[in-house]
Each structure stands twice: as C-alpha cells, then as structure tokens.
Protein backbone atom coordinates (compact mmCIF):
# COMPACT_ATOMS: atom_id res chain seq x y z
CA MET A 1 -0.02 0.00 0.01
CA VAL A 2 1.35 3.46 -1.07
CA MET A 3 0.30 6.58 0.78
CA ILE A 4 0.68 9.96 -0.90
CA ILE A 5 0.95 12.94 1.33
CA SER A 6 0.53 16.26 -0.17
CA THR A 7 1.46 19.62 1.24
CA MET A 8 -0.02 22.94 0.35
CA GLU A 9 2.37 25.73 -0.47
CA PRO A 10 1.44 29.16 0.92
CA GLN A 11 0.02 31.62 -1.54
CA VAL A 12 2.10 34.66 -2.26
CA SER A 13 0.50 38.05 -2.54
CA ASN A 14 2.02 40.60 -4.89
CA GLY A 15 0.20 43.49 -3.39
CA PRO A 16 -1.44 44.89 -0.26
CA THR A 17 -3.92 42.61 1.46
CA SER A 18 -6.27 45.30 2.64
CA ASN A 19 -8.30 47.94 0.78
CA THR A 20 -7.87 51.52 1.54
CA SER A 21 -9.93 54.58 0.72
CA ASN A 22 -7.01 56.07 -1.06
CA GLY A 23 -7.52 53.95 -4.20
CA PRO A 24 -5.91 51.01 -5.85
CA SER A 25 -2.41 50.68 -7.08
CA SER A 26 -1.91 51.10 -10.81
CA ASN A 27 -1.74 47.40 -11.65
CA ASN A 28 -5.32 46.28 -11.39
CA ARG A 29 -5.76 42.70 -12.68
CA ASN A 30 -9.39 43.10 -13.72
CA CYS A 31 -8.84 45.48 -16.62
CA PRO A 32 -8.56 44.48 -20.33
CA SER A 33 -5.18 44.35 -21.94
CA PRO A 34 -4.50 46.58 -25.03
CA MET A 35 -4.79 43.39 -27.12
CA GLN A 36 -8.30 42.82 -25.82
CA THR A 37 -9.43 46.34 -26.41
CA GLY A 38 -7.56 46.85 -29.70
CA ALA A 39 -5.85 49.83 -28.20
CA ALA A 40 -2.53 51.11 -29.53
CA THR A 41 0.55 51.29 -27.34
CA ASP A 42 0.29 55.15 -26.97
CA ASP A 43 -3.40 54.86 -25.70
CA SER A 44 -2.04 53.73 -22.32
CA LYS A 45 -0.50 57.20 -21.94
CA THR A 46 -3.99 58.80 -21.96
CA ASN A 47 -5.32 56.87 -19.03
CA LEU A 48 -4.83 58.46 -15.62
CA ILE A 49 -5.56 57.34 -12.11
CA VAL A 50 -6.21 60.11 -9.58
CA ASN A 51 -5.86 59.32 -5.91
CA TYR A 52 -6.46 61.28 -2.67
CA LEU A 53 -9.56 63.14 -3.83
CA PRO A 54 -11.78 64.82 -1.29
CA GLN A 55 -14.61 62.66 -0.02
CA ASN A 56 -17.31 65.26 -0.94
CA MET A 57 -16.05 65.84 -4.56
CA THR A 58 -18.86 65.23 -7.10
CA GLN A 59 -18.52 63.46 -10.52
CA GLU A 60 -19.27 66.89 -12.13
CA GLU A 61 -16.54 68.56 -10.16
CA PHE A 62 -14.09 65.84 -11.06
CA ARG A 63 -14.96 66.07 -14.76
CA SER A 64 -14.77 69.83 -14.72
CA LEU A 65 -11.36 69.90 -13.07
CA PHE A 66 -9.75 67.42 -15.47
CA GLY A 67 -11.78 68.63 -18.43
CA SER A 68 -10.25 72.07 -18.03
CA ILE A 69 -6.89 70.56 -19.30
CA GLY A 70 -8.23 68.98 -22.48
CA GLU A 71 -10.88 66.79 -24.12
CA ILE A 72 -11.85 63.79 -22.05
CA GLU A 73 -13.05 60.55 -23.51
CA SER A 74 -14.27 59.26 -20.18
CA CYS A 75 -13.89 59.80 -16.45
CA LYS A 76 -15.22 58.02 -13.39
CA LEU A 77 -15.17 59.04 -9.80
CA VAL A 78 -15.31 55.72 -7.89
CA ARG A 79 -17.99 55.43 -5.28
CA ASP A 80 -19.01 52.80 -2.73
CA LYS A 81 -21.83 50.68 -4.26
CA ILE A 82 -23.85 50.57 -1.09
CA THR A 83 -23.42 54.04 0.49
CA GLY A 84 -22.62 56.03 -2.59
CA GLN A 85 -19.76 57.73 -0.78
CA SER A 86 -16.63 58.62 -2.77
CA LEU A 87 -13.80 56.24 -2.29
CA GLY A 88 -11.27 59.03 -2.92
CA TYR A 89 -10.07 58.05 -6.27
CA GLY A 90 -11.07 58.08 -9.96
CA PHE A 91 -10.01 57.54 -13.57
CA VAL A 92 -9.61 59.93 -16.40
CA ASN A 93 -9.08 59.00 -20.08
CA TYR A 94 -8.02 61.80 -22.36
CA ILE A 95 -8.20 61.65 -26.12
CA ASP A 96 -4.84 63.17 -26.63
CA PRO A 97 -1.75 61.88 -24.75
CA LYS A 98 -0.38 65.44 -24.57
CA ASP A 99 -3.42 66.44 -22.53
CA ALA A 100 -2.92 63.54 -20.15
CA GLU A 101 0.72 64.62 -19.70
CA LYS A 102 -0.32 68.23 -19.12
CA ALA A 103 -2.97 67.10 -16.57
CA ILE A 104 -0.26 65.28 -14.63
CA ASN A 105 2.10 68.25 -14.72
CA THR A 106 -0.66 70.70 -13.81
CA LEU A 107 -2.87 68.81 -11.34
CA ASN A 108 -0.61 66.33 -9.63
CA GLY A 109 0.15 67.70 -6.18
CA LEU A 110 -2.81 70.09 -6.27
CA ARG A 111 -4.27 70.79 -2.81
CA LEU A 112 -8.02 70.41 -2.66
CA GLN A 113 -9.53 70.94 0.80
CA THR A 114 -7.54 68.76 3.10
CA LYS A 115 -6.15 66.44 0.37
CA THR A 116 -3.20 66.62 -2.07
CA ILE A 117 -4.29 64.80 -5.18
CA LYS A 118 -1.94 62.39 -6.97
CA ALA A 119 -2.45 62.02 -10.80
CA THR A 120 -0.41 59.41 -12.61
CA VAL A 121 -0.55 57.27 -15.73
CA TYR A 122 -2.64 54.22 -15.19
CA PHE A 123 -0.97 51.15 -16.38
CA CYS A 124 -3.12 48.01 -16.52
CA PHE A 125 -1.50 44.65 -16.36
CA SER A 126 -3.31 41.48 -16.94
CA LEU A 127 -1.62 38.56 -15.25
CA LEU A 128 -3.93 35.95 -16.51
C-alpha cells in the first residue's frame, strides 16, 4: 500500500492585502489588456488614475477639473456601491496623450480641501 501525502504551499501576494480609501495601485488585474481592447500602445498614456480626492467631490466637479486641461474621452469618480460615498479616487481617459501629460504636470500635487491629489498614468497589467 502506497500513501501519498501532499502539502499545500502558501500563497504569495504581490500587493497589499487590505483595501484603503486612497484607491488601488496602478496594476489592477481586472482590466482588459491593450490586445483585448484593440488599443494602440500610446493609448495607455491617455489613461490616468487620480488618488487622494476629497470625499465630498462630485462627478461633475471631477470632470470639470480634469476637463479644463483637455478633451476627455471618459472619467469616473469611484464610489461605494452601497453608501454612494466617494472612495477618494477616480480615472480619467484623455483623447490626446499630450493632454494627459499636461494634466499630470498641472494637477498632480494640487491641494483640494485637506487632500493633495496624485495624478499618474494608469498602467493596466493582466496577469492571466
């Protein structure tokens, strides 16, 4: 009689294990890759993630602030699905990569109420 004993290896995490209200890191696994969306390589330079937004900022204020830089394809202020309260981060997708760069240079570090916002290029990596 042969007995097989298996051991389970611990799972390794490549990121933080808890969620914070300051937003996700810039390597979210649930977003499509450029191959899936048909996007060109330069398109990744038009997508921004904006962290440390004031809790009481509205979608309209968010769009207005970043829309003042250039033409926006889309923007989304992320909110809690149950309470509707802002989670303090959002995404902006510009049409022109130069506008995205200008938004980072202009708005990154901007002080809004008690927060200093952080605007960076959003790189999306698919690990699967």
